[in-house]
């Protein structure tokens, strides 16, 4: 895909960076962010208002809900990708829950309004969603056709996020909710896992039998490109490796690739204490996410990283070894 204009709302995080790197050399990238003037981003590592990343990349400020000059970037864009939303990696207090809901729905409504007022609306709107929308599954995998959806808090977030997306009237813009599994790449969730391995703590979490659906960041980008090129595709798509593993296998594979033999387990009671201490929820580690990308495969998409060991190898060989001390001598 070349010579396209891609607008990424909430694009300064880990997944936004992966998308920028994948498409940035051959396309115009516009990152729309609430952190333009005041925050040092945890992925790019600098104040995004003070430095140009690429000559064909622009960073534009917005408040995540209102209409402003950022809307001009929507007009004439080929793709709008929305990744905006407060992280669920926090304690589920009443205040945090409301902020999680509002940050997602407000952004979707703002983008919908911008598309409606565009003279030349985008051809495709990719909106982040989550594979955690499916129930805790240990008996069978879940997909877009037969997956079962319950109603705990994280599922409520996913349901409202998607509902708000498909309520937006965009007759000339295809909409896709991309239910992403845990995304692995150069940054994000892989870093705490690598640190656990480094200190000999890279064993299973909880019982270790909970399923772990994952996807390589490059395959997320390739799926976006695939969906853009196949103009008949819209609706809900799972983006996750067709080869999920359980937590025990996930950690054992990471230890193997990084050369760490010892991996002490973290029992459930330990995770509950630790989650409270660092301000998060054990659901992020203990929920069994067993999800398959049925619709993408049916449409003809093939995953570059279908095997976990291949995904880990591609990631850790590119990380700075001095910083993470990944490999044993």
Protein backbone atom coordinates (compact mmCIF):
# COMPACT_ATOMS: atom_id res chain seq x y z
CA UNK A 1 0.00 0.00 0.00
CA UNK A 2 1.53 3.28 -1.11
CA UNK A 3 0.72 6.98 -1.37
CA UNK A 4 -2.22 6.81 1.01
CA UNK A 5 -3.13 9.14 3.85
CA UNK A 6 -3.60 7.31 7.13
CA UNK A 7 -4.95 9.13 10.19
CA UNK A 8 -4.30 7.40 13.52
CA UNK A 9 -6.30 8.69 16.48
CA UNK A 10 -4.54 7.86 19.74
CA UNK A 11 -1.52 6.84 17.72
CA UNK A 12 1.37 7.59 20.09
CA UNK A 13 1.26 4.27 21.96
CA UNK A 14 2.77 0.89 21.20
CA UNK A 15 0.32 -0.22 18.50
CA UNK A 16 0.24 3.25 16.95
CA UNK A 17 4.02 3.20 16.70
CA UNK A 18 3.96 -0.22 15.03
CA UNK A 19 1.44 1.03 12.46
CA UNK A 20 3.51 4.17 11.85
CA UNK A 21 6.67 2.17 11.28
CA UNK A 22 4.94 -0.32 8.98
CA UNK A 23 3.20 2.21 6.73
CA UNK A 24 5.30 5.32 7.33
CA UNK A 25 7.88 5.05 4.57
CA UNK A 26 5.39 4.93 1.69
CA UNK A 27 2.36 6.80 3.04
CA UNK A 28 1.40 10.02 4.79
CA UNK A 29 0.74 9.39 8.49
CA UNK A 30 -1.17 11.83 10.69
CA UNK A 31 -1.23 11.06 14.42
CA UNK A 32 -4.06 12.70 16.31
CA UNK A 33 -3.28 12.77 20.03
CA UNK A 34 -4.26 14.36 23.32
CA UNK A 35 -0.61 14.32 24.45
CA UNK A 36 0.79 16.83 21.99
CA UNK A 37 2.04 19.56 24.29
CA UNK A 38 2.27 18.17 27.76
CA UNK A 39 3.21 14.51 28.03
CA UNK A 40 6.26 12.44 27.32
CA UNK A 41 4.93 9.37 25.56
CA UNK A 42 5.90 6.01 27.00
CA UNK A 43 6.61 4.51 23.58
CA UNK A 44 8.28 7.20 21.54
CA UNK A 45 10.03 8.46 24.68
CA UNK A 46 9.98 12.17 23.97
CA UNK A 47 7.63 15.12 23.95
CA UNK A 48 5.83 14.56 20.68
CA UNK A 49 5.46 18.31 20.05
CA UNK A 50 9.21 18.88 19.99
CA UNK A 51 10.48 16.38 17.48
CA UNK A 52 9.69 15.22 13.94
CA UNK A 53 9.67 11.45 13.58
CA UNK A 54 9.47 11.15 9.80
CA UNK A 55 9.26 13.71 7.04
CA UNK A 56 5.86 12.36 5.97
CA UNK A 57 4.40 12.22 9.49
CA UNK A 58 2.41 14.95 11.21
CA UNK A 59 1.15 15.10 14.78
CA UNK A 60 -2.04 17.04 15.48
CA UNK A 61 -3.62 17.87 18.81
CA UNK A 62 -7.19 17.00 19.88
CA UNK A 63 -9.06 16.57 23.13
CA UNK A 64 -10.48 13.15 22.33
CA UNK A 65 -14.08 14.31 22.02
CA UNK A 66 -14.62 17.68 20.34
CA UNK A 67 -14.54 19.02 16.79
CA UNK A 68 -11.54 21.19 15.95
CA UNK A 69 -8.82 21.69 13.36
CA UNK A 70 -7.94 17.97 13.55
CA UNK A 71 -11.15 17.25 11.62
CA UNK A 72 -9.51 18.70 8.51
CA UNK A 73 -7.18 15.69 8.50
CA UNK A 74 -10.15 13.33 8.17
CA UNK A 75 -11.27 15.02 4.96
CA UNK A 76 -9.52 13.27 2.08
CA UNK A 77 -7.87 10.58 4.19
CA UNK A 78 -7.87 7.02 2.91
CA UNK A 79 -8.00 5.31 6.31
CA UNK A 80 -8.85 6.46 9.82
CA UNK A 81 -7.61 4.13 12.55
CA UNK A 82 -8.94 4.80 16.04
CA UNK A 83 -6.92 3.44 18.97
CA UNK A 84 -8.11 5.98 21.54
CA UNK A 85 -9.09 4.83 25.01
CA UNK A 86 -7.96 4.92 28.61
CA UNK A 87 -5.96 1.81 29.45
CA UNK A 88 -7.80 -0.98 31.26
CA UNK A 89 -4.56 -1.72 33.10
CA UNK A 90 -5.86 -0.09 36.28
CA UNK A 91 -8.07 -0.81 39.26
CA UNK A 92 -11.73 -0.92 38.30
CA UNK A 93 -12.90 1.89 40.56
CA UNK A 94 -16.09 3.76 39.74
CA UNK A 95 -14.06 6.76 38.50
CA UNK A 96 -11.75 4.65 36.34
CA UNK A 97 -14.65 2.67 34.89
CA UNK A 98 -16.41 5.85 33.77
CA UNK A 99 -13.22 7.24 32.25
CA UNK A 100 -12.67 3.98 30.36
CA UNK A 101 -16.19 4.12 28.92
CA UNK A 102 -16.10 7.85 28.12
CA UNK A 103 -12.66 7.88 26.52
CA UNK A 104 -13.81 5.29 23.99
CA UNK A 105 -17.32 6.44 23.19
CA UNK A 106 -16.46 10.16 23.03
CA UNK A 107 -13.64 9.52 20.55
CA UNK A 108 -15.81 7.31 18.33
CA UNK A 109 -18.60 9.90 18.25
CA UNK A 110 -16.13 12.70 17.45
CA UNK A 111 -14.62 10.73 14.57
CA UNK A 112 -18.08 9.82 13.29
CA UNK A 113 -19.07 13.49 13.24
CA UNK A 114 -15.85 14.44 11.45
CA UNK A 115 -16.48 11.82 8.77
CA UNK A 116 -20.06 13.00 8.30
CA UNK A 117 -18.86 16.56 7.66
CA UNK A 118 -16.00 15.56 5.35
CA UNK A 119 -16.25 16.49 1.69
CA UNK A 120 -14.22 13.39 0.79
CA UNK A 121 -14.75 10.88 3.63
CA UNK A 122 -12.23 8.09 4.33
CA UNK A 123 -12.74 4.83 2.50
CA UNK A 124 -12.17 2.75 5.64
CA UNK A 125 -12.57 3.27 9.38
CA UNK A 126 -10.69 0.74 11.49
CA UNK A 127 -11.70 0.94 15.14
CA UNK A 128 -9.78 -0.89 17.83
CA UNK A 129 -11.77 -3.47 19.74
CA UNK A 130 -10.69 -6.36 21.93
CA UNK A 131 -10.78 -10.14 21.84
CA UNK A 132 -11.52 -10.01 25.55
CA UNK A 133 -15.16 -9.47 24.55
CA UNK A 134 -15.53 -13.25 24.53
CA UNK A 135 -16.16 -15.23 27.69
CA UNK A 136 -13.55 -16.96 29.82
CA UNK A 137 -13.13 -20.09 27.68
CA UNK A 138 -11.38 -23.32 28.61
CA UNK A 139 -13.69 -25.74 26.79
CA UNK A 140 -13.59 -24.49 23.19
CA UNK A 141 -12.32 -21.58 21.09
CA UNK A 142 -14.43 -18.51 20.37
CA UNK A 143 -14.83 -16.83 16.99
CA UNK A 144 -17.02 -14.23 15.27
CA UNK A 145 -19.75 -16.78 14.53
CA UNK A 146 -20.12 -18.89 17.65
CA UNK A 147 -18.29 -16.90 20.30
CA UNK A 148 -20.19 -16.34 23.53
CA UNK A 149 -20.26 -12.91 25.13
CA UNK A 150 -20.95 -12.41 28.80
CA UNK A 151 -21.32 -9.18 30.77
CA UNK A 152 -18.43 -8.53 33.14
CA UNK A 153 -16.90 -5.05 33.12
CA UNK A 154 -14.29 -5.51 30.40
CA UNK A 155 -16.93 -7.11 28.16
CA UNK A 156 -19.30 -4.19 28.80
CA UNK A 157 -16.55 -1.85 27.62
CA UNK A 158 -16.03 -3.84 24.42
CA UNK A 159 -19.76 -4.08 23.70
CA UNK A 160 -20.37 -0.36 24.14
CA UNK A 161 -17.27 0.50 22.08
CA UNK A 162 -18.49 -1.57 19.13
CA UNK A 163 -22.11 -0.48 19.50
CA UNK A 164 -21.07 3.17 19.38
CA UNK A 165 -18.95 2.54 16.28
CA UNK A 166 -21.71 0.90 14.26
CA UNK A 167 -24.24 3.54 15.33
CA UNK A 168 -22.27 6.20 13.45
CA UNK A 169 -23.79 7.08 10.07
CA UNK A 170 -20.97 6.84 7.53
CA UNK A 171 -22.55 5.57 4.29
CA UNK A 172 -19.41 6.17 2.22
CA UNK A 173 -16.95 4.77 4.78
CA UNK A 174 -16.62 1.07 5.55
CA UNK A 175 -16.34 0.32 9.25
CA UNK A 176 -14.37 -2.53 10.81
CA UNK A 177 -14.14 -3.34 14.51
CA UNK A 178 -10.80 -5.10 14.92
CA UNK A 179 -11.01 -7.42 17.92
CA UNK A 180 -7.31 -7.59 18.72
CA UNK A 181 -5.73 -10.21 20.92
CA UNK A 182 -2.78 -9.35 23.16
CA UNK A 183 -0.35 -7.74 20.74
CA UNK A 184 3.33 -8.68 20.82
CA UNK A 185 6.11 -6.52 19.42
CA UNK A 186 8.97 -4.21 20.24
CA UNK A 187 7.42 -2.69 23.35
CA UNK A 188 4.13 -2.95 25.14
CA UNK A 189 3.26 -6.08 27.10
CA UNK A 190 6.38 -8.00 26.09
CA UNK A 191 8.64 -5.82 28.27
CA UNK A 192 7.27 -6.87 31.70
CA UNK A 193 7.29 -10.49 30.54
CA UNK A 194 10.95 -10.18 29.54
CA UNK A 195 11.79 -8.62 32.89
CA UNK A 196 10.10 -11.52 34.69
CA UNK A 197 12.25 -13.95 32.70
CA UNK A 198 15.38 -11.94 33.45
CA UNK A 199 14.84 -12.29 37.19
CA UNK A 200 13.92 -15.98 37.04
CA UNK A 201 10.20 -15.32 37.55
CA UNK A 202 9.05 -16.26 34.05
CA UNK A 203 6.93 -19.24 35.06
CA UNK A 204 3.21 -19.74 34.64
CA UNK A 205 0.72 -17.28 36.10
CA UNK A 206 -2.00 -18.84 38.21
CA UNK A 207 -2.75 -22.40 37.12
CA UNK A 208 -1.16 -21.83 33.73
CA UNK A 209 -3.98 -23.58 31.87
CA UNK A 210 -5.79 -20.39 30.87
CA UNK A 211 -5.61 -19.89 27.12
CA UNK A 212 -3.59 -17.03 25.70
CA UNK A 213 -4.61 -15.59 22.34
CA UNK A 214 -1.93 -13.35 20.89
CA UNK A 215 -0.93 -11.61 17.66
CA UNK A 216 2.32 -10.16 16.35
CA UNK A 217 2.15 -6.40 15.79
CA UNK A 218 3.25 -6.81 12.18
CA UNK A 219 0.27 -9.08 11.52
CA UNK A 220 -2.04 -6.40 12.94
CA UNK A 221 -0.61 -4.00 10.35
CA UNK A 222 -0.86 -6.58 7.59
CA UNK A 223 -4.49 -7.22 8.52
CA UNK A 224 -5.25 -3.49 8.25
CA UNK A 225 -3.66 -3.44 4.79
CA UNK A 226 -5.62 -6.55 3.79
CA UNK A 227 -8.91 -5.04 4.94
CA UNK A 228 -8.21 -1.84 3.02
CA UNK A 229 -7.45 -3.68 -0.20
CA UNK A 230 -10.48 -5.99 0.05
CA UNK A 231 -13.25 -3.44 -0.30
CA UNK A 232 -16.05 -5.94 0.32
CA UNK A 233 -14.98 -6.59 3.92
CA UNK A 234 -16.61 -4.79 6.84
CA UNK A 235 -18.01 -5.53 10.27
CA UNK A 236 -16.29 -7.43 13.07
CA UNK A 237 -12.99 -9.28 12.64
CA UNK A 238 -10.82 -11.08 15.18
CA UNK A 239 -7.13 -10.43 14.66
CA UNK A 240 -5.18 -13.06 16.56
CA UNK A 241 -2.84 -15.87 15.70
CA UNK A 242 -4.60 -19.06 14.57
CA UNK A 243 -2.38 -20.89 17.10
CA UNK A 244 -3.27 -19.76 20.62
CA UNK A 245 -1.47 -21.45 23.52
CA UNK A 246 -2.04 -21.76 27.22
CA UNK A 247 -0.23 -19.51 29.68
CA UNK A 248 2.20 -22.23 30.71
CA UNK A 249 3.26 -22.79 27.09
CA UNK A 250 3.46 -19.06 26.45
CA UNK A 251 5.92 -18.54 29.28
CA UNK A 252 7.92 -21.70 28.49
CA UNK A 253 8.32 -20.57 24.88
CA UNK A 254 9.50 -17.13 25.95
CA UNK A 255 12.04 -18.68 28.32
CA UNK A 256 13.28 -20.94 25.52
CA UNK A 257 13.74 -18.08 23.05
CA UNK A 258 15.48 -15.85 25.60
CA UNK A 259 17.66 -18.63 27.00
CA UNK A 260 16.27 -18.42 30.53
CA UNK A 261 16.05 -21.87 32.12
CA UNK A 262 14.57 -20.95 35.49
CA UNK A 263 10.99 -19.70 35.61
CA UNK A 264 9.35 -19.61 39.02
CA UNK A 265 5.54 -19.60 38.90
CA UNK A 266 3.29 -16.84 40.20
CA UNK A 267 0.37 -18.41 42.06
CA UNK A 268 -3.08 -16.85 42.00
CA UNK A 269 -2.87 -15.52 45.56
CA UNK A 270 0.43 -13.82 44.70
CA UNK A 271 -1.11 -12.21 41.61
CA UNK A 272 -4.01 -10.84 43.63
CA UNK A 273 -1.65 -9.17 46.09
CA UNK A 274 0.61 -7.91 43.32
CA UNK A 275 -2.28 -6.54 41.27
CA UNK A 276 -3.49 -4.48 44.20
CA UNK A 277 0.01 -3.18 44.89
CA UNK A 278 0.60 -1.99 41.30
CA UNK A 279 -2.97 -0.82 40.71
CA UNK A 280 -4.32 -3.30 38.19
CA UNK A 281 -6.64 -6.32 37.98
CA UNK A 282 -5.78 -10.03 37.91
CA UNK A 283 -8.26 -10.52 35.06
CA UNK A 284 -5.59 -9.31 32.65
CA UNK A 285 -3.51 -12.42 33.47
CA UNK A 286 -6.03 -15.02 34.58
CA UNK A 287 -8.87 -14.74 32.07
CA UNK A 288 -8.74 -17.56 29.53
CA UNK A 289 -8.82 -15.89 26.11
CA UNK A 290 -9.23 -18.63 23.49
CA UNK A 291 -10.02 -16.82 20.25
CA UNK A 292 -9.65 -17.72 16.57
CA UNK A 293 -9.51 -15.38 13.50
CA UNK A 294 -12.08 -17.33 11.48
CA UNK A 295 -13.38 -14.51 9.27
CA UNK A 296 -9.93 -13.21 8.31
CA UNK A 297 -8.79 -16.70 7.31
CA UNK A 298 -12.00 -17.28 5.35
CA UNK A 299 -11.32 -14.03 3.47
CA UNK A 300 -7.87 -15.33 2.46
CA UNK A 301 -5.59 -13.63 4.98
CA UNK A 302 -2.47 -15.52 6.02
CA UNK A 303 -0.50 -14.79 9.17
CA UNK A 304 3.23 -14.19 8.86
CA UNK A 305 3.65 -15.14 12.51
CA UNK A 306 1.29 -18.04 13.16
CA UNK A 307 3.70 -19.79 15.55
CA UNK A 308 4.53 -18.27 18.92
CA UNK A 309 8.21 -19.23 18.82
CA UNK A 310 8.64 -17.47 15.46
CA UNK A 311 6.94 -14.36 16.84
CA UNK A 312 9.12 -14.26 19.96
CA UNK A 313 12.28 -14.84 17.94
CA UNK A 314 11.51 -11.95 15.60
CA UNK A 315 10.90 -9.67 18.58
CA UNK A 316 13.72 -10.46 20.97
CA UNK A 317 16.42 -10.43 18.29
CA UNK A 318 15.57 -6.78 17.60
CA UNK A 319 15.47 -5.60 21.21
CA UNK A 320 18.50 -3.95 22.85
CA UNK A 321 20.08 -6.86 24.74
CA UNK A 322 22.15 -4.62 26.99
CA UNK A 323 19.00 -3.05 28.36
CA UNK A 324 16.98 -6.20 28.93
CA UNK A 325 19.81 -8.74 29.41
CA UNK A 326 17.72 -11.26 27.52
CA UNK A 327 20.18 -13.98 26.73
CA UNK A 328 22.29 -16.03 29.10
CA UNK A 329 25.97 -16.15 28.23
